[in-house]
N, C-alpha and C. Protein backbone atom coordinates (compact mmCIF):
# COMPACT_ATOMS: atom_id res chain seq x y z
N UNK A 1 -13.71 -17.23 -13.52
CA UNK A 1 -14.18 -18.05 -12.44
C UNK A 1 -13.01 -18.70 -11.70
N UNK A 2 -11.95 -19.03 -12.42
CA UNK A 2 -10.81 -19.68 -11.79
C UNK A 2 -10.22 -18.81 -10.68
N UNK A 3 -10.21 -17.51 -10.90
CA UNK A 3 -9.71 -16.58 -9.89
C UNK A 3 -10.53 -16.70 -8.61
N UNK A 4 -11.85 -16.81 -8.72
CA UNK A 4 -12.72 -16.96 -7.55
C UNK A 4 -12.43 -18.27 -6.81
N UNK A 5 -12.24 -19.34 -7.56
CA UNK A 5 -12.02 -20.65 -6.94
C UNK A 5 -10.68 -20.73 -6.22
N UNK A 6 -9.68 -19.99 -6.69
CA UNK A 6 -8.33 -20.10 -6.14
C UNK A 6 -7.98 -19.07 -5.07
N UNK A 7 -8.81 -18.07 -4.85
CA UNK A 7 -8.48 -17.06 -3.85
C UNK A 7 -8.75 -17.58 -2.43
N UNK A 8 -8.11 -16.96 -1.45
CA UNK A 8 -8.31 -17.32 -0.05
C UNK A 8 -9.71 -16.86 0.37
N UNK A 9 -10.46 -17.74 1.00
CA UNK A 9 -11.82 -17.41 1.43
C UNK A 9 -11.80 -16.42 2.59
N UNK A 10 -12.79 -15.54 2.61
CA UNK A 10 -12.97 -14.60 3.70
C UNK A 10 -13.83 -15.27 4.78
N UNK A 11 -13.72 -14.82 6.05
CA UNK A 11 -14.39 -15.51 7.17
C UNK A 11 -15.90 -15.72 6.99
N UNK A 12 -16.61 -14.76 6.43
CA UNK A 12 -18.07 -14.90 6.32
C UNK A 12 -18.51 -15.77 5.15
N UNK A 13 -17.55 -16.31 4.40
CA UNK A 13 -17.89 -17.26 3.33
C UNK A 13 -18.09 -18.67 3.88
N UNK A 14 -17.84 -18.86 5.15
CA UNK A 14 -18.07 -20.17 5.78
C UNK A 14 -19.53 -20.39 6.09
N UNK A 15 -20.35 -19.35 5.98
CA UNK A 15 -21.75 -19.40 6.39
C UNK A 15 -22.66 -19.13 5.20
N UNK A 16 -23.86 -19.73 5.22
CA UNK A 16 -24.83 -19.45 4.16
C UNK A 16 -25.42 -18.06 4.41
N UNK A 17 -25.93 -17.44 3.36
CA UNK A 17 -26.55 -16.11 3.51
C UNK A 17 -27.71 -16.14 4.49
N UNK A 18 -28.40 -17.27 4.58
CA UNK A 18 -29.53 -17.38 5.49
C UNK A 18 -29.10 -17.23 6.95
N UNK A 19 -27.82 -17.49 7.23
CA UNK A 19 -27.32 -17.38 8.60
C UNK A 19 -26.68 -16.02 8.90
N UNK A 20 -26.62 -15.14 7.91
CA UNK A 20 -26.00 -13.83 8.10
C UNK A 20 -27.07 -12.77 8.27
N UNK A 21 -26.87 -11.89 9.24
CA UNK A 21 -27.82 -10.82 9.53
C UNK A 21 -27.11 -9.47 9.46
N UNK A 22 -27.69 -8.53 8.73
CA UNK A 22 -27.16 -7.16 8.71
C UNK A 22 -27.81 -6.44 9.89
N UNK A 23 -26.99 -6.08 10.88
CA UNK A 23 -27.52 -5.49 12.12
C UNK A 23 -27.25 -3.99 12.21
N UNK A 24 -26.53 -3.44 11.24
CA UNK A 24 -26.27 -2.01 11.25
C UNK A 24 -25.45 -1.57 10.06
N UNK A 25 -25.38 -0.26 9.89
CA UNK A 25 -24.62 0.33 8.79
C UNK A 25 -23.81 1.49 9.35
N UNK A 26 -22.63 1.70 8.79
CA UNK A 26 -21.78 2.82 9.18
C UNK A 26 -21.43 3.59 7.91
N UNK A 27 -21.65 4.88 7.94
CA UNK A 27 -21.30 5.75 6.82
C UNK A 27 -20.25 6.73 7.30
N UNK A 28 -19.05 6.69 6.70
CA UNK A 28 -17.98 7.62 7.02
C UNK A 28 -17.53 8.25 5.71
N UNK A 29 -17.71 9.56 5.61
CA UNK A 29 -17.40 10.27 4.38
C UNK A 29 -18.07 9.55 3.21
N UNK A 30 -17.29 9.06 2.26
CA UNK A 30 -17.88 8.35 1.11
C UNK A 30 -17.80 6.85 1.25
N UNK A 31 -17.37 6.38 2.40
CA UNK A 31 -17.19 4.94 2.63
C UNK A 31 -18.32 4.40 3.50
N UNK A 32 -18.93 3.33 3.03
CA UNK A 32 -20.01 2.68 3.79
C UNK A 32 -19.56 1.28 4.21
N UNK A 33 -19.96 0.88 5.40
CA UNK A 33 -19.70 -0.46 5.89
C UNK A 33 -21.00 -1.04 6.45
N UNK A 34 -21.13 -2.35 6.34
CA UNK A 34 -22.27 -3.05 6.93
C UNK A 34 -21.75 -3.87 8.10
N UNK A 35 -22.56 -3.96 9.14
CA UNK A 35 -22.22 -4.76 10.32
C UNK A 35 -23.00 -6.06 10.25
N UNK A 36 -22.28 -7.18 10.22
CA UNK A 36 -22.87 -8.50 10.01
C UNK A 36 -22.70 -9.37 11.25
N UNK A 37 -23.79 -10.02 11.64
CA UNK A 37 -23.79 -10.96 12.75
C UNK A 37 -24.18 -12.33 12.20
N UNK A 38 -23.49 -13.37 12.64
CA UNK A 38 -23.84 -14.73 12.23
C UNK A 38 -24.89 -15.26 13.19
N UNK A 39 -26.05 -15.65 12.66
CA UNK A 39 -27.16 -16.13 13.47
C UNK A 39 -26.72 -17.32 14.31
N UNK A 40 -26.99 -17.25 15.61
CA UNK A 40 -26.66 -18.33 16.53
C UNK A 40 -25.18 -18.40 16.89
N UNK A 41 -24.38 -17.47 16.42
CA UNK A 41 -22.94 -17.47 16.67
C UNK A 41 -22.49 -16.12 17.24
N UNK A 42 -23.21 -15.61 18.22
CA UNK A 42 -22.89 -14.30 18.77
C UNK A 42 -21.48 -14.24 19.33
N UNK A 43 -20.92 -15.38 19.74
CA UNK A 43 -19.56 -15.39 20.28
C UNK A 43 -18.52 -14.98 19.23
N UNK A 44 -18.90 -15.05 17.94
CA UNK A 44 -17.99 -14.62 16.87
C UNK A 44 -17.94 -13.10 16.75
N UNK A 45 -18.88 -12.42 17.38
CA UNK A 45 -18.91 -10.97 17.32
C UNK A 45 -19.52 -10.45 16.04
N UNK A 46 -19.44 -9.15 15.88
CA UNK A 46 -19.99 -8.47 14.71
C UNK A 46 -18.85 -8.20 13.74
N UNK A 47 -19.08 -8.50 12.48
CA UNK A 47 -18.08 -8.31 11.42
C UNK A 47 -18.41 -7.04 10.64
N UNK A 48 -17.41 -6.23 10.38
CA UNK A 48 -17.56 -5.03 9.57
C UNK A 48 -17.10 -5.38 8.15
N UNK A 49 -17.98 -5.18 7.17
CA UNK A 49 -17.65 -5.51 5.78
C UNK A 49 -17.92 -4.30 4.89
N UNK A 50 -17.24 -4.26 3.74
CA UNK A 50 -17.36 -3.14 2.83
C UNK A 50 -17.54 -3.65 1.40
N UNK A 51 -17.72 -2.74 0.48
CA UNK A 51 -17.91 -3.11 -0.92
C UNK A 51 -16.74 -3.97 -1.40
N UNK A 52 -17.06 -5.01 -2.15
CA UNK A 52 -16.04 -5.91 -2.68
C UNK A 52 -15.76 -7.10 -1.79
N UNK A 53 -16.14 -7.02 -0.51
CA UNK A 53 -15.94 -8.16 0.38
C UNK A 53 -16.87 -9.30 -0.02
N UNK A 54 -16.53 -10.51 0.42
CA UNK A 54 -17.29 -11.70 0.06
C UNK A 54 -18.05 -12.25 1.26
N UNK A 55 -19.28 -12.72 1.00
CA UNK A 55 -20.16 -13.30 2.03
C UNK A 55 -20.84 -14.52 1.47
N UNK A 56 -21.13 -15.48 2.32
CA UNK A 56 -21.91 -16.64 1.92
C UNK A 56 -21.11 -17.68 1.17
N UNK A 57 -21.73 -18.83 0.97
CA UNK A 57 -21.06 -19.99 0.38
C UNK A 57 -21.06 -20.01 -1.14
N UNK A 58 -21.73 -19.03 -1.77
CA UNK A 58 -21.84 -19.02 -3.24
C UNK A 58 -21.05 -17.87 -3.85
N UNK A 59 -19.86 -17.62 -3.32
CA UNK A 59 -18.97 -16.59 -3.86
C UNK A 59 -19.65 -15.21 -3.91
N UNK A 60 -20.50 -14.93 -2.91
CA UNK A 60 -21.21 -13.64 -2.88
C UNK A 60 -20.24 -12.48 -2.70
N UNK A 61 -20.34 -11.48 -3.57
CA UNK A 61 -19.49 -10.29 -3.50
C UNK A 61 -20.39 -9.08 -3.33
N UNK A 62 -20.06 -8.23 -2.35
CA UNK A 62 -20.87 -7.05 -2.06
C UNK A 62 -20.73 -6.02 -3.18
N UNK A 63 -21.89 -5.64 -3.73
CA UNK A 63 -21.93 -4.66 -4.81
C UNK A 63 -22.34 -3.28 -4.34
N UNK A 64 -23.24 -3.24 -3.34
CA UNK A 64 -23.78 -1.96 -2.91
C UNK A 64 -24.30 -2.07 -1.48
N UNK A 65 -24.15 -0.98 -0.75
CA UNK A 65 -24.72 -0.87 0.60
C UNK A 65 -25.71 0.28 0.56
N UNK A 66 -26.97 0.01 0.83
CA UNK A 66 -27.99 1.05 0.87
C UNK A 66 -28.41 1.28 2.31
N UNK A 67 -29.35 2.16 2.52
CA UNK A 67 -29.80 2.46 3.89
C UNK A 67 -30.57 1.32 4.53
N UNK A 68 -31.01 0.35 3.72
CA UNK A 68 -31.78 -0.76 4.31
C UNK A 68 -31.37 -2.15 3.82
N UNK A 69 -30.29 -2.25 3.03
CA UNK A 69 -29.90 -3.57 2.53
C UNK A 69 -28.46 -3.59 2.02
N UNK A 70 -27.93 -4.80 1.92
CA UNK A 70 -26.65 -5.06 1.28
C UNK A 70 -26.96 -5.85 0.01
N UNK A 71 -26.50 -5.36 -1.14
CA UNK A 71 -26.75 -6.04 -2.40
C UNK A 71 -25.52 -6.84 -2.79
N UNK A 72 -25.75 -8.09 -3.21
CA UNK A 72 -24.67 -9.02 -3.52
C UNK A 72 -24.85 -9.64 -4.89
N UNK A 73 -23.74 -10.08 -5.45
CA UNK A 73 -23.77 -10.90 -6.66
C UNK A 73 -23.15 -12.23 -6.31
N UNK A 74 -23.89 -13.31 -6.55
CA UNK A 74 -23.42 -14.67 -6.25
C UNK A 74 -23.18 -15.43 -7.54
N UNK A 75 -22.40 -16.49 -7.43
CA UNK A 75 -22.17 -17.41 -8.54
C UNK A 75 -22.75 -18.77 -8.17
N UNK A 76 -23.60 -19.29 -9.03
CA UNK A 76 -24.22 -20.60 -8.82
C UNK A 76 -23.88 -21.48 -10.01
N UNK A 77 -23.65 -22.75 -9.76
CA UNK A 77 -23.37 -23.69 -10.83
C UNK A 77 -24.67 -24.40 -11.21
N UNK A 78 -24.99 -24.40 -12.50
CA UNK A 78 -26.22 -25.08 -12.94
C UNK A 78 -25.93 -26.57 -13.17
N UNK A 79 -26.95 -27.30 -13.60
CA UNK A 79 -26.83 -28.74 -13.79
C UNK A 79 -25.79 -29.16 -14.81
N UNK A 80 -25.49 -28.27 -15.76
CA UNK A 80 -24.50 -28.61 -16.79
C UNK A 80 -23.08 -28.21 -16.39
N UNK A 81 -22.95 -27.59 -15.21
CA UNK A 81 -21.63 -27.17 -14.74
C UNK A 81 -21.28 -25.73 -15.08
N UNK A 82 -22.17 -25.05 -15.79
CA UNK A 82 -21.92 -23.64 -16.13
C UNK A 82 -22.19 -22.75 -14.92
N UNK A 83 -21.39 -21.68 -14.79
CA UNK A 83 -21.56 -20.74 -13.69
C UNK A 83 -22.51 -19.62 -14.11
N UNK A 84 -23.48 -19.32 -13.23
CA UNK A 84 -24.48 -18.30 -13.49
C UNK A 84 -24.40 -17.24 -12.39
N UNK A 85 -24.40 -15.97 -12.78
CA UNK A 85 -24.40 -14.88 -11.80
C UNK A 85 -25.83 -14.56 -11.41
N UNK A 86 -26.04 -14.38 -10.09
CA UNK A 86 -27.35 -13.99 -9.58
C UNK A 86 -27.16 -12.88 -8.56
N UNK A 87 -28.06 -11.92 -8.60
CA UNK A 87 -28.03 -10.85 -7.61
C UNK A 87 -29.03 -11.17 -6.50
N UNK A 88 -28.64 -10.84 -5.28
CA UNK A 88 -29.50 -11.06 -4.13
C UNK A 88 -29.22 -9.96 -3.12
N UNK A 89 -29.94 -9.95 -2.02
CA UNK A 89 -29.72 -8.92 -1.01
C UNK A 89 -29.96 -9.46 0.38
N UNK A 90 -29.37 -8.79 1.34
CA UNK A 90 -29.63 -9.03 2.76
C UNK A 90 -30.21 -7.74 3.32
N UNK A 91 -31.37 -7.83 3.93
CA UNK A 91 -32.02 -6.66 4.48
C UNK A 91 -31.48 -6.34 5.87
N UNK A 92 -31.44 -5.07 6.22
CA UNK A 92 -31.03 -4.67 7.57
C UNK A 92 -32.11 -5.14 8.55
N UNK A 93 -31.68 -5.78 9.63
CA UNK A 93 -32.60 -6.28 10.65
C UNK A 93 -32.35 -5.54 11.95
N UNK A 94 -33.42 -5.20 12.63
CA UNK A 94 -33.26 -4.49 13.90
C UNK A 94 -33.35 -5.42 15.10
N UNK A 95 -33.84 -6.63 14.90
CA UNK A 95 -33.98 -7.58 16.02
C UNK A 95 -33.19 -8.86 15.78
N UNK A 96 -32.04 -8.77 15.13
CA UNK A 96 -31.23 -9.96 14.80
C UNK A 96 -30.63 -10.58 16.05
N UNK A 97 -30.77 -11.91 16.14
CA UNK A 97 -30.17 -12.66 17.27
C UNK A 97 -29.58 -13.94 16.76
């Protein structure tokens, strides 16, 4: 966990997952990328992210990109201070604004 706390944050870690929208996917050879838009922040443009990149405020790390979602693993701190891993996903949206 110390490694996660001490690394430099990536740009999309400034936003909660609720504010991130997957607006497209790119598949090149064996490499997949997701196109992410920050809700209400269109001036920031679209971000291209790949496996291993981080999203959201809970140390979310991209585990998988499918044809309709991005799967993430987040770290949450419970009431006793212990870190718990949780998996979540962001669905591809066609009308994201």
